[in-house]
Amino acid sequence: MALRDPLYDGMVRIVVTPTWAKLIDFETTLPSAVEELVRQRAERERLARR
């Protein structure tokens, strides 16, 4: 297959219009997974100081 050969017979444009959006403000709210990692690190550091 030559590089100039098209991969497809044609192309189409797909437009998606969301019906809602959610804003996540990381300055005031951490995702739960990040909160858990912070908690685990703090616990490890606390145990290491003993």
PDB file of N, CA and C in Angstrom:
ATOM      1  N   MET A   1       0.836  -1.177   0.000  1.00  0.00           N
ATOM      2  CA  MET A   1       0.000   0.000   0.000  1.00  0.00           C
ATOM      3  C   MET A   1       0.884   1.245   0.000  1.00  0.00           C
ATOM      4  N   ALA A   2       0.710   2.095  -0.958  1.00  0.00           N
ATOM      5  CA  ALA A   2       1.492   3.326  -1.034  1.00  0.00           C
ATOM      6  C   ALA A   2       0.988   4.329   0.008  1.00  0.00           C
ATOM      7  N   LEU A   3       1.835   5.235   0.423  1.00  0.00           N
ATOM      8  CA  LEU A   3       1.447   6.212   1.430  1.00  0.00           C
ATOM      9  C   LEU A   3       0.344   7.142   0.942  1.00  0.00           C
ATOM     10  N   ARG A   4       0.229   7.365  -0.379  1.00  0.00           N
ATOM     11  CA  ARG A   4      -0.806   8.277  -0.880  1.00  0.00           C
ATOM     12  C   ARG A   4      -2.163   7.610  -0.986  1.00  0.00           C
ATOM     13  N   ASP A   5      -2.209   6.290  -0.916  1.00  0.00           N
ATOM     14  CA  ASP A   5      -3.497   5.602  -1.015  1.00  0.00           C
ATOM     15  C   ASP A   5      -4.352   5.932   0.200  1.00  0.00           C
ATOM     16  N   PRO A   6      -5.616   6.269  -0.034  1.00  0.00           N
ATOM     17  CA  PRO A   6      -6.476   6.576   1.121  1.00  0.00           C
ATOM     18  C   PRO A   6      -6.761   5.323   1.944  1.00  0.00           C
ATOM     19  N   LEU A   7      -6.863   5.499   3.242  1.00  0.00           N
ATOM     20  CA  LEU A   7      -7.189   4.381   4.124  1.00  0.00           C
ATOM     21  C   LEU A   7      -8.662   4.018   4.026  1.00  0.00           C
ATOM     22  N   TYR A   8      -9.487   5.013   3.668  1.00  0.00           N
ATOM     23  CA  TYR A   8     -10.926   4.809   3.615  1.00  0.00           C
ATOM     24  C   TYR A   8     -11.452   5.359   2.297  1.00  0.00           C
ATOM     25  N   ASP A   9     -12.623   4.900   1.899  1.00  0.00           N
ATOM     26  CA  ASP A   9     -13.249   5.405   0.675  1.00  0.00           C
ATOM     27  C   ASP A   9     -13.723   6.838   0.841  1.00  0.00           C
ATOM     28  N   GLY A  10     -14.088   7.221   2.050  1.00  0.00           N
ATOM     29  CA  GLY A  10     -14.561   8.575   2.292  1.00  0.00           C
ATOM     30  C   GLY A  10     -14.493   8.900   3.765  1.00  0.00           C
ATOM     31  N   MET A  11     -14.773  10.133   4.085  1.00  0.00           N
ATOM     32  CA  MET A  11     -14.783  10.549   5.482  1.00  0.00           C
ATOM     33  C   MET A  11     -16.078  11.295   5.761  1.00  0.00           C
ATOM     34  N   VAL A  12     -16.471  11.281   7.001  1.00  0.00           N
ATOM     35  CA  VAL A  12     -17.640  12.042   7.437  1.00  0.00           C
ATOM     36  C   VAL A  12     -17.252  12.865   8.655  1.00  0.00           C
ATOM     37  N   ARG A  13     -18.003  13.900   8.906  1.00  0.00           N
ATOM     38  CA  ARG A  13     -17.795  14.715  10.097  1.00  0.00           C
ATOM     39  C   ARG A  13     -18.868  14.334  11.101  1.00  0.00           C
ATOM     40  N   ILE A  14     -18.448  14.005  12.314  1.00  0.00           N
ATOM     41  CA  ILE A  14     -19.371  13.651  13.390  1.00  0.00           C
ATOM     42  C   ILE A  14     -19.374  14.794  14.397  1.00  0.00           C
ATOM     43  N   VAL A  15     -20.535  15.329  14.668  1.00  0.00           N
ATOM     44  CA  VAL A  15     -20.678  16.425  15.615  1.00  0.00           C
ATOM     45  C   VAL A  15     -21.446  15.914  16.828  1.00  0.00           C
ATOM     46  N   VAL A  16     -20.878  16.132  18.002  1.00  0.00           N
ATOM     47  CA  VAL A  16     -21.515  15.703  19.243  1.00  0.00           C
ATOM     48  C   VAL A  16     -21.823  16.959  20.058  1.00  0.00           C
ATOM     49  N   THR A  17     -23.071  17.105  20.443  1.00  0.00           N
ATOM     50  CA  THR A  17     -23.482  18.227  21.268  1.00  0.00           C
ATOM     51  C   THR A  17     -23.876  17.684  22.643  1.00  0.00           C
ATOM     52  N   PRO A  18     -23.091  17.979  23.671  1.00  0.00           N
ATOM     53  CA  PRO A  18     -23.425  17.456  24.998  1.00  0.00           C
ATOM     54  C   PRO A  18     -24.703  18.083  25.541  1.00  0.00           C
ATOM     55  N   THR A  19     -25.431  17.287  26.304  1.00  0.00           N
ATOM     56  CA  THR A  19     -26.647  17.809  26.941  1.00  0.00           C
ATOM     57  C   THR A  19     -26.349  18.349  28.333  1.00  0.00           C
ATOM     58  N   TRP A  20     -25.170  18.033  28.884  1.00  0.00           N
ATOM     59  CA  TRP A  20     -24.775  18.549  30.191  1.00  0.00           C
ATOM     60  C   TRP A  20     -23.256  18.508  30.277  1.00  0.00           C
ATOM     61  N   ALA A  21     -22.705  19.223  31.230  1.00  0.00           N
ATOM     62  CA  ALA A  21     -21.263  19.219  31.482  1.00  0.00           C
ATOM     63  C   ALA A  21     -21.046  19.373  32.982  1.00  0.00           C
ATOM     64  N   LYS A  22     -19.966  18.792  33.461  1.00  0.00           N
ATOM     65  CA  LYS A  22     -19.647  18.877  34.878  1.00  0.00           C
ATOM     66  C   LYS A  22     -18.280  19.532  35.027  1.00  0.00           C
ATOM     67  N   LEU A  23     -18.216  20.534  35.874  1.00  0.00           N
ATOM     68  CA  LEU A  23     -16.964  21.218  36.153  1.00  0.00           C
ATOM     69  C   LEU A  23     -16.392  20.665  37.448  1.00  0.00           C
ATOM     70  N   ILE A  24     -15.153  20.214  37.385  1.00  0.00           N
ATOM     71  CA  ILE A  24     -14.488  19.711  38.576  1.00  0.00           C
ATOM     72  C   ILE A  24     -13.449  20.743  38.992  1.00  0.00           C
ATOM     73  N   ASP A  25     -13.640  21.337  40.144  1.00  0.00           N
ATOM     74  CA  ASP A  25     -12.745  22.358  40.664  1.00  0.00           C
ATOM     75  C   ASP A  25     -11.721  21.680  41.573  1.00  0.00           C
ATOM     76  N   PHE A  26     -10.521  21.444  41.055  1.00  0.00           N
ATOM     77  CA  PHE A  26      -9.507  20.733  41.815  1.00  0.00           C
ATOM     78  C   PHE A  26      -8.893  21.578  42.916  1.00  0.00           C
ATOM     79  N   GLU A  27      -9.160  22.877  42.941  1.00  0.00           N
ATOM     80  CA  GLU A  27      -8.644  23.702  44.026  1.00  0.00           C
ATOM     81  C   GLU A  27      -9.435  23.485  45.309  1.00  0.00           C
ATOM     82  N   THR A  28     -10.708  23.101  45.190  1.00  0.00           N
ATOM     83  CA  THR A  28     -11.541  22.911  46.378  1.00  0.00           C
ATOM     84  C   THR A  28     -11.962  21.463  46.583  1.00  0.00           C
ATOM     85  N   THR A  29     -11.899  20.647  45.544  1.00  0.00           N
ATOM     86  CA  THR A  29     -12.360  19.262  45.642  1.00  0.00           C
ATOM     87  C   THR A  29     -11.358  18.332  44.966  1.00  0.00           C
ATOM     88  N   LEU A  30     -10.920  17.320  45.680  1.00  0.00           N
ATOM     89  CA  LEU A  30     -10.037  16.318  45.086  1.00  0.00           C
ATOM     90  C   LEU A  30     -10.859  15.099  44.676  1.00  0.00           C
ATOM     91  N   PRO A  31     -10.503  14.454  43.568  1.00  0.00           N
ATOM     92  CA  PRO A  31     -11.156  13.190  43.238  1.00  0.00           C
ATOM     93  C   PRO A  31     -10.915  12.178  44.358  1.00  0.00           C
ATOM     94  N   SER A  32     -11.853  11.287  44.578  1.00  0.00           N
ATOM     95  CA  SER A  32     -11.753  10.330  45.687  1.00  0.00           C
ATOM     96  C   SER A  32     -10.481   9.484  45.599  1.00  0.00           C
ATOM     97  N   ALA A  33     -10.043   9.127  44.392  1.00  0.00           N
ATOM     98  CA  ALA A  33      -8.824   8.316  44.263  1.00  0.00           C
ATOM     99  C   ALA A  33      -7.604   9.096  44.758  1.00  0.00           C
ATOM    100  N   VAL A  34      -7.560  10.387  44.475  1.00  0.00           N
ATOM    101  CA  VAL A  34      -6.434  11.207  44.933  1.00  0.00           C
ATOM    102  C   VAL A  34      -6.503  11.378  46.446  1.00  0.00           C
ATOM    103  N   GLU A  35      -7.691  11.577  46.978  1.00  0.00           N
ATOM    104  CA  GLU A  35      -7.845  11.673  48.430  1.00  0.00           C
ATOM    105  C   GLU A  35      -7.336  10.408  49.109  1.00  0.00           C
ATOM    106  N   GLU A  36      -7.638   9.256  48.532  1.00  0.00           N
ATOM    107  CA  GLU A  36      -7.202   7.980  49.113  1.00  0.00           C
ATOM    108  C   GLU A  36      -5.678   7.862  49.067  1.00  0.00           C
ATOM    109  N   LEU A  37      -5.055   8.263  47.970  1.00  0.00           N
ATOM    110  CA  LEU A  37      -3.591   8.220  47.874  1.00  0.00           C
ATOM    111  C   LEU A  37      -2.939   9.135  48.902  1.00  0.00           C
ATOM    112  N   VAL A  38      -3.495  10.323  49.103  1.00  0.00           N
ATOM    113  CA  VAL A  38      -2.964  11.253  50.099  1.00  0.00           C
ATOM    114  C   VAL A  38      -3.095  10.645  51.487  1.00  0.00           C
ATOM    115  N   ARG A  39      -4.228  10.035  51.776  1.00  0.00           N
ATOM    116  CA  ARG A  39      -4.449   9.411  53.078  1.00  0.00           C
ATOM    117  C   ARG A  39      -3.461   8.268  53.308  1.00  0.00           C
ATOM    118  N   GLN A  40      -3.245   7.434  52.290  1.00  0.00           N
ATOM    119  CA  GLN A  40      -2.317   6.309  52.415  1.00  0.00           C
ATOM    120  C   GLN A  40      -0.890   6.793  52.640  1.00  0.00           C
ATOM    121  N   ARG A  41      -0.492   7.827  51.930  1.00  0.00           N
ATOM    122  CA  ARG A  41       0.866   8.356  52.099  1.00  0.00           C
ATOM    123  C   ARG A  41       1.052   8.905  53.506  1.00  0.00           C
ATOM    124  N   ALA A  42       0.075   9.641  53.998  1.00  0.00           N
ATOM    125  CA  ALA A  42       0.165  10.194  55.341  1.00  0.00           C
ATOM    126  C   ALA A  42       0.264   9.077  56.382  1.00  0.00           C
ATOM    127  N   GLU A  43      -0.486   8.021  56.181  1.00  0.00           N
ATOM    128  CA  GLU A  43      -0.444   6.885  57.111  1.00  0.00           C
ATOM    129  C   GLU A  43       0.931   6.208  57.085  1.00  0.00           C
ATOM    130  N   ARG A  44       1.495   6.017  55.880  1.00  0.00           N
ATOM    131  CA  ARG A  44       2.837   5.420  55.774  1.00  0.00           C
ATOM    132  C   ARG A  44       3.879   6.290  56.467  1.00  0.00           C
ATOM    133  N   GLU A  45       3.792   7.606  56.258  1.00  0.00           N
ATOM    134  CA  GLU A  45       4.748   8.511  56.895  1.00  0.00           C
ATOM    135  C   GLU A  45       4.579   8.506  58.418  1.00  0.00           C
ATOM    136  N   ARG A  46       3.352   8.423  58.889  1.00  0.00           N
ATOM    137  CA  ARG A  46       3.099   8.386  60.319  1.00  0.00           C
ATOM    138  C   ARG A  46       3.706   7.121  60.925  1.00  0.00           C
ATOM    139  N   LEU A  47       3.548   5.985  60.250  1.00  0.00           N
ATOM    140  CA  LEU A  47       4.086   4.720  60.761  1.00  0.00           C
ATOM    141  C   LEU A  47       5.610   4.690  60.681  1.00  0.00           C
ATOM    142  N   ALA A  48       6.187   5.350  59.690  1.00  0.00           N
ATOM    143  CA  ALA A  48       7.639   5.366  59.547  1.00  0.00           C
ATOM    144  C   ALA A  48       8.320   6.181  60.646  1.00  0.00           C
ATOM    145  N   ARG A  49       7.613   7.145  61.234  1.00  0.00           N
ATOM    146  CA  ARG A  49       8.173   7.985  62.282  1.00  0.00           C
ATOM    147  C   ARG A  49       8.200   7.311  63.630  1.00  0.00           C
ATOM    148  N   ARG A  50       7.554   6.191  63.771  1.00  0.00           N
ATOM    149  CA  ARG A  50       7.498   5.499  65.088  1.00  0.00           C
ATOM    150  C   ARG A  50       8.844   4.958  65.484  1.00  0.00           C
TER     151      ARG A  50
END
